[in-house]
Amino acid sequence: MLHLRVISPDALTDPTLDLLRDDEAVTHLFVLRGAAQRPAGDVISCDIAREGAQDILDRLRGLGLEKEGGISVEQVDLTLSTAADSAVDRTPGEPSDAIVWSDIEQRSGDEAKLSWTYLVLMTVAMIIASIGAYWVPWEAGGSVVQLLINLAAIIVAGVLTLIIQRYAQRQLARRRSRS
């Protein structure tokens, strides 16, 4: 389960509540009108089944909540609730297979920053590798070729996996929107 907290301006609160109320992945939904101070508005909170999270986040962004208010999602470590179990059962897909793309996008942006520590470590690693290649030059070429082959295979496998998972997620969202 994931915990969703939305800061909604008054004008978007009712459409947001309707969107969340109609989704089978949502449980423990409540609203605190006028509770948000900066930005001003209402606080809407609920728990959502992980496999339905990306679809819900896309629709909330479509309402403009990302710009007008705020959307926060947190991992719930423990939920003791029959209603939560029912929401997971009703939502298509498996929680362990669900990918929240917004989370991946934010983490990859936050965790992929170039730092001086990284540059120093890479420089030291290249110096050590070049010393090894200097002492054994006939093995350096083969090592580089093998490294490039492995790197290409990892990149291709990763990209294909992400494409297939994204396609499957969209198909599930389309099926859910039809029903």
N, C-alpha and C. Protein backbone atom coordinates (compact mmCIF):
# COMPACT_ATOMS: atom_id res chain seq x y z
N MET A 1 0.84 -1.18 0.00
CA MET A 1 0.00 0.00 0.00
C MET A 1 0.88 1.25 0.00
N LEU A 2 0.33 2.28 -0.59
CA LEU A 2 0.97 3.59 -0.59
C LEU A 2 0.01 4.57 0.05
N HIS A 3 0.56 5.57 0.73
CA HIS A 3 -0.27 6.61 1.32
C HIS A 3 -0.17 7.85 0.43
N LEU A 4 -1.31 8.37 0.04
CA LEU A 4 -1.38 9.54 -0.84
C LEU A 4 -1.90 10.72 -0.05
N ARG A 5 -1.20 11.86 -0.13
CA ARG A 5 -1.68 13.09 0.47
C ARG A 5 -1.70 14.16 -0.61
N VAL A 6 -2.83 14.80 -0.75
CA VAL A 6 -3.00 15.83 -1.78
C VAL A 6 -3.37 17.14 -1.10
N ILE A 7 -2.69 18.21 -1.47
CA ILE A 7 -3.09 19.56 -1.09
C ILE A 7 -3.84 20.12 -2.29
N SER A 8 -5.12 20.39 -2.08
CA SER A 8 -5.98 20.78 -3.19
C SER A 8 -6.59 22.15 -2.96
N PRO A 9 -6.54 23.04 -3.96
CA PRO A 9 -7.29 24.28 -3.84
C PRO A 9 -8.78 23.96 -3.81
N ASP A 10 -9.57 24.84 -3.21
CA ASP A 10 -11.00 24.58 -3.04
C ASP A 10 -11.69 24.17 -4.34
N ALA A 11 -11.33 24.80 -5.44
CA ALA A 11 -11.99 24.53 -6.72
C ALA A 11 -11.74 23.12 -7.22
N LEU A 12 -10.63 22.49 -6.83
CA LEU A 12 -10.30 21.16 -7.33
C LEU A 12 -10.62 20.04 -6.33
N THR A 13 -11.08 20.39 -5.14
CA THR A 13 -11.32 19.37 -4.12
C THR A 13 -12.40 18.38 -4.53
N ASP A 14 -13.55 18.87 -4.98
CA ASP A 14 -14.64 17.96 -5.34
C ASP A 14 -14.28 17.06 -6.53
N PRO A 15 -13.69 17.59 -7.62
CA PRO A 15 -13.27 16.68 -8.70
C PRO A 15 -12.23 15.65 -8.24
N THR A 16 -11.34 16.07 -7.34
CA THR A 16 -10.33 15.14 -6.82
C THR A 16 -10.99 14.05 -6.00
N LEU A 17 -11.92 14.42 -5.14
CA LEU A 17 -12.63 13.43 -4.33
C LEU A 17 -13.42 12.47 -5.21
N ASP A 18 -14.07 12.99 -6.25
CA ASP A 18 -14.81 12.11 -7.17
C ASP A 18 -13.88 11.12 -7.84
N LEU A 19 -12.74 11.60 -8.30
CA LEU A 19 -11.76 10.74 -8.96
C LEU A 19 -11.30 9.63 -8.01
N LEU A 20 -10.97 9.99 -6.79
CA LEU A 20 -10.48 9.00 -5.83
C LEU A 20 -11.59 8.06 -5.36
N ARG A 21 -12.77 8.60 -5.14
CA ARG A 21 -13.90 7.79 -4.67
C ARG A 21 -14.27 6.70 -5.68
N ASP A 22 -14.14 7.01 -6.98
CA ASP A 22 -14.55 6.08 -8.02
C ASP A 22 -13.48 5.03 -8.35
N ASP A 23 -12.30 5.16 -7.79
CA ASP A 23 -11.22 4.22 -8.12
C ASP A 23 -11.19 3.07 -7.12
N GLU A 24 -11.14 1.85 -7.64
CA GLU A 24 -11.16 0.66 -6.79
C GLU A 24 -9.88 0.48 -5.98
N ALA A 25 -8.81 1.12 -6.38
CA ALA A 25 -7.53 0.98 -5.68
C ALA A 25 -7.46 1.84 -4.42
N VAL A 26 -8.45 2.69 -4.20
CA VAL A 26 -8.41 3.67 -3.10
C VAL A 26 -9.20 3.17 -1.90
N THR A 27 -8.64 3.38 -0.72
CA THR A 27 -9.33 3.10 0.54
C THR A 27 -8.88 4.12 1.58
N HIS A 28 -9.57 4.17 2.71
CA HIS A 28 -9.25 5.08 3.82
C HIS A 28 -9.22 6.54 3.36
N LEU A 29 -10.18 6.92 2.54
CA LEU A 29 -10.24 8.27 1.97
C LEU A 29 -10.87 9.24 2.96
N PHE A 30 -10.20 10.37 3.17
CA PHE A 30 -10.80 11.44 3.98
C PHE A 30 -10.29 12.79 3.51
N VAL A 31 -11.03 13.84 3.89
CA VAL A 31 -10.66 15.20 3.50
C VAL A 31 -10.73 16.09 4.74
N LEU A 32 -9.77 16.99 4.86
CA LEU A 32 -9.76 18.00 5.91
C LEU A 32 -9.87 19.36 5.22
N ARG A 33 -11.08 19.89 5.20
CA ARG A 33 -11.32 21.14 4.47
C ARG A 33 -10.66 22.32 5.19
N GLY A 34 -9.93 23.11 4.41
CA GLY A 34 -9.28 24.31 4.93
C GLY A 34 -8.06 24.04 5.80
N ALA A 35 -7.59 22.81 5.86
CA ALA A 35 -6.48 22.47 6.76
C ALA A 35 -5.11 22.88 6.21
N ALA A 36 -4.98 22.98 4.91
CA ALA A 36 -3.67 23.32 4.32
C ALA A 36 -3.44 24.83 4.40
N GLN A 37 -2.23 25.21 4.77
CA GLN A 37 -1.90 26.62 4.93
C GLN A 37 -1.03 27.17 3.79
N ARG A 38 -0.05 26.40 3.32
CA ARG A 38 0.84 26.86 2.27
C ARG A 38 1.15 25.72 1.32
N PRO A 39 0.58 25.58 0.19
CA PRO A 39 -0.46 26.45 -0.37
C PRO A 39 -1.79 26.22 0.34
N ALA A 40 -2.61 27.24 0.33
CA ALA A 40 -3.90 27.18 1.02
C ALA A 40 -4.84 26.23 0.29
N GLY A 41 -5.64 25.52 1.07
CA GLY A 41 -6.61 24.62 0.47
C GLY A 41 -6.98 23.49 1.41
N ASP A 42 -7.42 22.40 0.83
CA ASP A 42 -7.89 21.25 1.58
C ASP A 42 -6.84 20.14 1.52
N VAL A 43 -6.81 19.32 2.56
CA VAL A 43 -5.93 18.16 2.60
C VAL A 43 -6.78 16.92 2.34
N ILE A 44 -6.43 16.19 1.31
CA ILE A 44 -7.11 14.94 0.97
C ILE A 44 -6.10 13.82 1.18
N SER A 45 -6.53 12.80 1.87
CA SER A 45 -5.61 11.71 2.19
C SER A 45 -6.30 10.37 1.95
N CYS A 46 -5.53 9.39 1.51
CA CYS A 46 -6.06 8.04 1.31
C CYS A 46 -4.91 7.06 1.17
N ASP A 47 -5.24 5.80 1.22
CA ASP A 47 -4.29 4.74 0.92
C ASP A 47 -4.67 4.17 -0.44
N ILE A 48 -3.66 3.84 -1.24
CA ILE A 48 -3.94 3.28 -2.56
C ILE A 48 -3.12 2.01 -2.76
N ALA A 49 -3.72 1.07 -3.47
CA ALA A 49 -3.01 -0.15 -3.83
C ALA A 49 -1.90 0.23 -4.80
N ARG A 50 -0.73 -0.32 -4.58
CA ARG A 50 0.45 0.04 -5.38
C ARG A 50 0.21 -0.13 -6.87
N GLU A 51 -0.50 -1.19 -7.27
CA GLU A 51 -0.69 -1.46 -8.69
C GLU A 51 -1.61 -0.45 -9.37
N GLY A 52 -2.34 0.35 -8.60
CA GLY A 52 -3.19 1.39 -9.18
C GLY A 52 -2.62 2.79 -9.03
N ALA A 53 -1.44 2.90 -8.44
CA ALA A 53 -0.89 4.21 -8.09
C ALA A 53 -0.57 5.08 -9.30
N GLN A 54 0.09 4.52 -10.31
CA GLN A 54 0.52 5.36 -11.44
C GLN A 54 -0.68 5.94 -12.18
N ASP A 55 -1.72 5.15 -12.37
CA ASP A 55 -2.92 5.64 -13.04
C ASP A 55 -3.55 6.78 -12.24
N ILE A 56 -3.63 6.63 -10.94
CA ILE A 56 -4.20 7.67 -10.09
C ILE A 56 -3.35 8.93 -10.15
N LEU A 57 -2.04 8.78 -10.07
CA LEU A 57 -1.15 9.95 -10.12
C LEU A 57 -1.27 10.68 -11.46
N ASP A 58 -1.38 9.93 -12.55
CA ASP A 58 -1.54 10.56 -13.87
C ASP A 58 -2.83 11.37 -13.93
N ARG A 59 -3.91 10.81 -13.39
CA ARG A 59 -5.19 11.53 -13.43
C ARG A 59 -5.19 12.74 -12.50
N LEU A 60 -4.52 12.65 -11.35
CA LEU A 60 -4.41 13.81 -10.45
C LEU A 60 -3.59 14.92 -11.11
N ARG A 61 -2.53 14.53 -11.81
CA ARG A 61 -1.75 15.53 -12.55
C ARG A 61 -2.60 16.16 -13.64
N GLY A 62 -3.46 15.36 -14.26
CA GLY A 62 -4.35 15.87 -15.30
C GLY A 62 -5.30 16.94 -14.78
N LEU A 63 -5.64 16.87 -13.50
CA LEU A 63 -6.50 17.89 -12.89
C LEU A 63 -5.72 19.18 -12.60
N GLY A 64 -4.40 19.12 -12.65
CA GLY A 64 -3.59 20.30 -12.37
C GLY A 64 -3.17 20.42 -10.91
N LEU A 65 -3.36 19.36 -10.13
CA LEU A 65 -3.01 19.42 -8.71
C LEU A 65 -1.52 19.59 -8.47
N GLU A 66 -0.73 19.12 -9.40
CA GLU A 66 0.72 19.23 -9.26
C GLU A 66 1.14 20.71 -9.29
N LYS A 67 0.41 21.53 -10.05
CA LYS A 67 0.74 22.94 -10.18
C LYS A 67 0.00 23.81 -9.17
N GLU A 68 -1.26 23.48 -8.93
CA GLU A 68 -2.11 24.29 -8.07
C GLU A 68 -1.95 23.96 -6.58
N GLY A 69 -1.55 22.74 -6.28
CA GLY A 69 -1.43 22.31 -4.89
C GLY A 69 -0.20 21.46 -4.71
N GLY A 70 -0.41 20.20 -4.34
CA GLY A 70 0.72 19.30 -4.16
C GLY A 70 0.26 17.86 -4.04
N ILE A 71 1.11 16.94 -4.46
CA ILE A 71 0.82 15.51 -4.39
C ILE A 71 2.02 14.85 -3.73
N SER A 72 1.77 14.11 -2.65
CA SER A 72 2.83 13.38 -1.96
C SER A 72 2.43 11.91 -1.84
N VAL A 73 3.41 11.02 -2.02
CA VAL A 73 3.17 9.59 -1.90
C VAL A 73 4.24 9.00 -1.00
N GLU A 74 3.82 8.17 -0.05
CA GLU A 74 4.74 7.51 0.86
C GLU A 74 4.45 6.02 0.89
N GLN A 75 5.48 5.23 1.09
CA GLN A 75 5.33 3.78 1.24
C GLN A 75 4.76 3.49 2.63
N VAL A 76 3.75 2.64 2.69
CA VAL A 76 3.18 2.21 3.97
C VAL A 76 3.80 0.86 4.30
N ASP A 77 4.49 0.78 5.42
CA ASP A 77 5.17 -0.46 5.79
C ASP A 77 4.20 -1.52 6.33
N LEU A 78 3.18 -1.09 7.04
CA LEU A 78 2.24 -2.04 7.63
C LEU A 78 0.85 -1.45 7.60
N THR A 79 -0.10 -2.22 7.09
CA THR A 79 -1.50 -1.83 7.10
C THR A 79 -2.31 -3.01 7.62
N LEU A 80 -3.02 -2.80 8.70
CA LEU A 80 -3.89 -3.83 9.25
C LEU A 80 -5.32 -3.40 8.99
N SER A 81 -5.85 -3.82 7.84
CA SER A 81 -7.17 -3.36 7.43
C SER A 81 -7.76 -4.29 6.39
N THR A 82 -8.98 -4.72 6.64
CA THR A 82 -9.69 -5.52 5.65
C THR A 82 -10.01 -4.68 4.41
N ALA A 83 -10.31 -3.40 4.62
CA ALA A 83 -10.60 -2.52 3.48
C ALA A 83 -9.38 -2.38 2.58
N ALA A 84 -8.20 -2.30 3.17
CA ALA A 84 -6.97 -2.21 2.36
C ALA A 84 -6.74 -3.50 1.60
N ASP A 85 -6.96 -4.64 2.26
CA ASP A 85 -6.81 -5.92 1.57
C ASP A 85 -7.79 -6.03 0.41
N SER A 86 -9.01 -5.54 0.60
CA SER A 86 -10.02 -5.57 -0.47
C SER A 86 -9.61 -4.69 -1.64
N ALA A 87 -9.04 -3.52 -1.35
CA ALA A 87 -8.59 -2.61 -2.42
C ALA A 87 -7.49 -3.27 -3.24
N VAL A 88 -6.58 -3.97 -2.58
CA VAL A 88 -5.51 -4.67 -3.30
C VAL A 88 -6.10 -5.78 -4.15
N ASP A 89 -7.07 -6.52 -3.61
CA ASP A 89 -7.69 -7.62 -4.35
C ASP A 89 -8.47 -7.12 -5.57
N ARG A 90 -9.14 -5.96 -5.44
CA ARG A 90 -9.95 -5.42 -6.54
C ARG A 90 -9.11 -4.83 -7.66
N THR A 91 -7.91 -4.39 -7.35
CA THR A 91 -7.07 -3.71 -8.33
C THR A 91 -6.34 -4.73 -9.19
N PRO A 92 -6.42 -4.59 -10.52
CA PRO A 92 -5.73 -5.54 -11.41
C PRO A 92 -4.21 -5.47 -11.24
N GLY A 93 -3.58 -6.61 -11.33
CA GLY A 93 -2.12 -6.68 -11.24
C GLY A 93 -1.68 -7.17 -9.87
N GLU A 94 -0.38 -7.31 -9.75
CA GLU A 94 0.23 -7.77 -8.50
C GLU A 94 1.02 -6.63 -7.87
N PRO A 95 0.89 -6.43 -6.55
CA PRO A 95 1.63 -5.35 -5.90
C PRO A 95 3.14 -5.45 -6.09
N SER A 96 3.66 -6.66 -6.11
CA SER A 96 5.11 -6.81 -6.25
C SER A 96 5.60 -6.45 -7.65
N ASP A 97 4.70 -6.49 -8.64
CA ASP A 97 5.07 -6.17 -10.02
C ASP A 97 4.79 -4.72 -10.39
N ALA A 98 4.08 -4.00 -9.53
CA ALA A 98 3.65 -2.65 -9.87
C ALA A 98 4.83 -1.68 -9.87
N ILE A 99 4.85 -0.83 -10.87
CA ILE A 99 5.89 0.18 -10.99
C ILE A 99 5.23 1.55 -10.92
N VAL A 100 5.71 2.38 -10.03
CA VAL A 100 5.23 3.75 -9.93
C VAL A 100 6.25 4.62 -10.65
N TRP A 101 5.94 4.96 -11.91
CA TRP A 101 6.90 5.65 -12.78
C TRP A 101 7.27 7.02 -12.24
N SER A 102 6.33 7.70 -11.60
CA SER A 102 6.63 9.02 -11.04
C SER A 102 7.73 8.92 -9.99
N ASP A 103 7.68 7.85 -9.20
CA ASP A 103 8.70 7.61 -8.18
C ASP A 103 10.06 7.36 -8.82
N ILE A 104 10.07 6.55 -9.87
CA ILE A 104 11.33 6.25 -10.57
C ILE A 104 11.91 7.51 -11.20
N GLU A 105 11.05 8.32 -11.83
CA GLU A 105 11.52 9.56 -12.45
C GLU A 105 12.14 10.50 -11.42
N GLN A 106 11.47 10.65 -10.27
CA GLN A 106 11.98 11.56 -9.26
C GLN A 106 13.28 11.03 -8.65
N ARG A 107 13.31 9.73 -8.34
CA ARG A 107 14.53 9.17 -7.74
C ARG A 107 15.71 9.23 -8.70
N SER A 108 15.46 8.93 -9.97
CA SER A 108 16.57 8.95 -10.92
C SER A 108 17.10 10.37 -11.09
N GLY A 109 16.24 11.35 -10.99
CA GLY A 109 16.70 12.73 -11.06
C GLY A 109 17.46 13.14 -9.82
N ASP A 110 16.98 12.71 -8.64
CA ASP A 110 17.63 13.07 -7.38
C ASP A 110 18.94 12.34 -7.18
N GLU A 111 18.98 11.07 -7.58
CA GLU A 111 20.13 10.24 -7.27
C GLU A 111 21.17 10.18 -8.39
N ALA A 112 20.92 10.86 -9.49
CA ALA A 112 21.85 10.78 -10.62
C ALA A 112 22.58 12.10 -10.85
N LYS A 113 22.84 12.81 -9.80
CA LYS A 113 23.56 14.07 -9.93
C LYS A 113 25.06 13.82 -9.93
N LEU A 114 25.76 14.55 -10.77
CA LEU A 114 27.21 14.45 -10.86
C LEU A 114 27.83 15.15 -9.66
N SER A 115 28.71 14.45 -8.94
CA SER A 115 29.34 15.04 -7.76
C SER A 115 30.86 14.93 -7.86
N TRP A 116 31.55 15.72 -7.05
CA TRP A 116 33.01 15.68 -7.04
C TRP A 116 33.52 14.34 -6.53
N THR A 117 32.82 13.76 -5.57
CA THR A 117 33.24 12.46 -5.04
C THR A 117 33.22 11.41 -6.14
N TYR A 118 32.16 11.41 -6.93
CA TYR A 118 32.06 10.45 -8.03
C TYR A 118 33.20 10.65 -9.03
N LEU A 119 33.47 11.90 -9.39
CA LEU A 119 34.53 12.19 -10.35
C LEU A 119 35.91 11.76 -9.83
N VAL A 120 36.18 11.99 -8.55
CA VAL A 120 37.46 11.58 -7.97
C VAL A 120 37.59 10.07 -7.98
N LEU A 121 36.52 9.36 -7.56
CA LEU A 121 36.56 7.89 -7.55
C LEU A 121 36.76 7.33 -8.95
N MET A 122 36.09 7.89 -9.93
CA MET A 122 36.24 7.41 -11.31
C MET A 122 37.65 7.69 -11.83
N THR A 123 38.21 8.83 -11.47
CA THR A 123 39.58 9.15 -11.90
C THR A 123 40.58 8.17 -11.30
N VAL A 124 40.44 7.89 -10.01
CA VAL A 124 41.33 6.93 -9.35
C VAL A 124 41.17 5.55 -9.99
N ALA A 125 39.94 5.14 -10.27
CA ALA A 125 39.70 3.84 -10.89
C ALA A 125 40.34 3.76 -12.27
N MET A 126 40.26 4.84 -13.04
CA MET A 126 40.88 4.84 -14.37
C MET A 126 42.40 4.80 -14.29
N ILE A 127 42.96 5.48 -13.29
CA ILE A 127 44.42 5.43 -13.12
C ILE A 127 44.87 4.01 -12.79
N ILE A 128 44.15 3.36 -11.86
CA ILE A 128 44.49 1.98 -11.50
C ILE A 128 44.34 1.06 -12.70
N ALA A 129 43.26 1.24 -13.46
CA ALA A 129 43.04 0.39 -14.64
C ALA A 129 44.12 0.63 -15.70
N SER A 130 44.53 1.87 -15.87
CA SER A 130 45.56 2.14 -16.89
C SER A 130 46.92 1.56 -16.47
N ILE A 131 47.21 1.56 -15.18
CA ILE A 131 48.46 0.94 -14.71
C ILE A 131 48.42 -0.56 -15.00
N GLY A 132 47.27 -1.19 -14.72
CA GLY A 132 47.12 -2.62 -15.02
C GLY A 132 47.23 -2.89 -16.51
N ALA A 133 46.67 -2.04 -17.32
CA ALA A 133 46.74 -2.23 -18.78
C ALA A 133 48.15 -2.00 -19.29
N TYR A 134 48.88 -1.09 -18.65
CA TYR A 134 50.25 -0.81 -19.08
C TYR A 134 51.15 -2.02 -18.84
N TRP A 135 50.94 -2.70 -17.72
CA TRP A 135 51.78 -3.85 -17.39
C TRP A 135 51.37 -5.09 -18.16
N VAL A 136 50.10 -5.16 -18.60
CA VAL A 136 49.63 -6.33 -19.36
C VAL A 136 48.86 -5.80 -20.58
N PRO A 137 49.56 -5.22 -21.55
CA PRO A 137 48.87 -4.56 -22.66
C PRO A 137 48.07 -5.50 -23.56
N TRP A 138 48.48 -6.77 -23.70
CA TRP A 138 47.77 -7.67 -24.61
C TRP A 138 46.39 -8.07 -24.08
N GLU A 139 46.14 -7.86 -22.78
CA GLU A 139 44.83 -8.20 -22.23
C GLU A 139 43.91 -6.99 -22.17
N ALA A 140 44.43 -5.81 -22.32
CA ALA A 140 43.62 -4.60 -22.20
C ALA A 140 42.56 -4.53 -23.30
N GLY A 141 42.94 -4.86 -24.53
CA GLY A 141 41.99 -4.79 -25.65
C GLY A 141 40.83 -5.75 -25.45
N GLY A 142 41.12 -6.97 -25.07
CA GLY A 142 40.05 -7.95 -24.84
C GLY A 142 39.14 -7.56 -23.70
N SER A 143 39.71 -6.98 -22.65
CA SER A 143 38.91 -6.55 -21.51
C SER A 143 37.97 -5.41 -21.89
N VAL A 144 38.46 -4.49 -22.68
CA VAL A 144 37.63 -3.36 -23.12
C VAL A 144 36.48 -3.86 -23.98
N VAL A 145 36.76 -4.75 -24.91
CA VAL A 145 35.71 -5.30 -25.77
C VAL A 145 34.66 -6.02 -24.94
N GLN A 146 35.09 -6.85 -24.00
CA GLN A 146 34.15 -7.59 -23.15
C GLN A 146 33.32 -6.63 -22.30
N LEU A 147 33.95 -5.60 -21.78
CA LEU A 147 33.24 -4.60 -20.98
C LEU A 147 32.17 -3.91 -21.82
N LEU A 148 32.49 -3.53 -23.04
CA LEU A 148 31.52 -2.86 -23.91
C LEU A 148 30.36 -3.79 -24.28
N ILE A 149 30.66 -5.05 -24.53
CA ILE A 149 29.59 -6.02 -24.85
C ILE A 149 28.65 -6.17 -23.66
N ASN A 150 29.22 -6.32 -22.47
CA ASN A 150 28.40 -6.47 -21.27
C ASN A 150 27.56 -5.23 -21.01
N LEU A 151 28.17 -4.07 -21.16
CA LEU A 151 27.45 -2.82 -20.95
C LEU A 151 26.30 -2.67 -21.93
N ALA A 152 26.53 -2.97 -23.19
CA ALA A 152 25.48 -2.89 -24.21
C ALA A 152 24.34 -3.86 -23.88
N ALA A 153 24.67 -5.07 -23.46
CA ALA A 153 23.64 -6.05 -23.13
C ALA A 153 22.80 -5.60 -21.94
N ILE A 154 23.44 -5.03 -20.93
CA ILE A 154 22.71 -4.54 -19.76
C ILE A 154 21.78 -3.39 -20.14
N ILE A 155 22.26 -2.48 -20.96
CA ILE A 155 21.44 -1.34 -21.38
C ILE A 155 20.25 -1.82 -22.20
N VAL A 156 20.47 -2.70 -23.16
CA VAL A 156 19.37 -3.21 -23.99
C VAL A 156 18.36 -3.94 -23.13
N ALA A 157 18.81 -4.80 -22.23
CA ALA A 157 17.89 -5.55 -21.37
C ALA A 157 17.09 -4.61 -20.48
N GLY A 158 17.74 -3.60 -19.92
CA GLY A 158 17.04 -2.65 -19.06
C GLY A 158 16.00 -1.84 -19.81
N VAL A 159 16.36 -1.34 -20.98
CA VAL A 159 15.42 -0.55 -21.77
C VAL A 159 14.23 -1.40 -22.21
N LEU A 160 14.49 -2.60 -22.69
CA LEU A 160 13.39 -3.48 -23.10
C LEU A 160 12.47 -3.81 -21.93
N THR A 161 13.04 -4.07 -20.77
CA THR A 161 12.22 -4.36 -19.59
C THR A 161 11.34 -3.17 -19.24
N LEU A 162 11.89 -1.97 -19.24
CA LEU A 162 11.10 -0.79 -18.93
C LEU A 162 10.00 -0.55 -19.97
N ILE A 163 10.30 -0.76 -21.24
CA ILE A 163 9.29 -0.59 -22.29
C ILE A 163 8.16 -1.58 -22.11
N ILE A 164 8.48 -2.83 -21.86
CA ILE A 164 7.44 -3.85 -21.69
C ILE A 164 6.60 -3.56 -20.45
N GLN A 165 7.22 -3.17 -19.35
CA GLN A 165 6.47 -2.87 -18.14
C GLN A 165 5.59 -1.64 -18.33
N ARG A 166 6.09 -0.63 -19.00
CA ARG A 166 5.29 0.57 -19.26
C ARG A 166 4.08 0.23 -20.14
N TYR A 167 4.30 -0.61 -21.16
CA TYR A 167 3.21 -1.04 -22.04
C TYR A 167 2.15 -1.80 -21.24
N ALA A 168 2.58 -2.72 -20.39
CA ALA A 168 1.64 -3.50 -19.58
C ALA A 168 0.87 -2.60 -18.63
N GLN A 169 1.53 -1.62 -18.04
CA GLN A 169 0.87 -0.69 -17.12
C GLN A 169 -0.21 0.11 -17.86
N ARG A 170 0.09 0.57 -19.06
CA ARG A 170 -0.90 1.33 -19.83
C ARG A 170 -2.08 0.46 -20.24
N GLN A 171 -1.81 -0.79 -20.60
CA GLN A 171 -2.89 -1.70 -20.96
C GLN A 171 -3.82 -1.92 -19.77
N LEU A 172 -3.27 -2.11 -18.59
CA LEU A 172 -4.09 -2.28 -17.39
C LEU A 172 -4.90 -1.03 -17.11
N ALA A 173 -4.30 0.14 -17.29
CA ALA A 173 -5.02 1.39 -17.07
C ALA A 173 -6.16 1.54 -18.06
N ARG A 174 -5.94 1.18 -19.32
CA ARG A 174 -7.01 1.26 -20.33
C ARG A 174 -8.15 0.31 -19.99
N ARG A 175 -7.81 -0.91 -19.57
CA ARG A 175 -8.85 -1.87 -19.20
C ARG A 175 -9.66 -1.36 -18.02
N ARG A 176 -8.97 -0.76 -17.06
CA ARG A 176 -9.67 -0.26 -15.90
C ARG A 176 -10.57 0.92 -16.25
N SER A 177 -10.11 1.79 -17.16
CA SER A 177 -10.92 2.95 -17.53
C SER A 177 -12.15 2.54 -18.34
N ARG A 178 -12.09 1.42 -19.05
CA ARG A 178 -13.25 0.93 -19.80
C ARG A 178 -14.32 0.37 -18.88
N SER A 179 -13.89 -0.22 -17.77
CA SER A 179 -14.89 -0.86 -16.88
C SER A 179 -15.43 0.09 -15.86
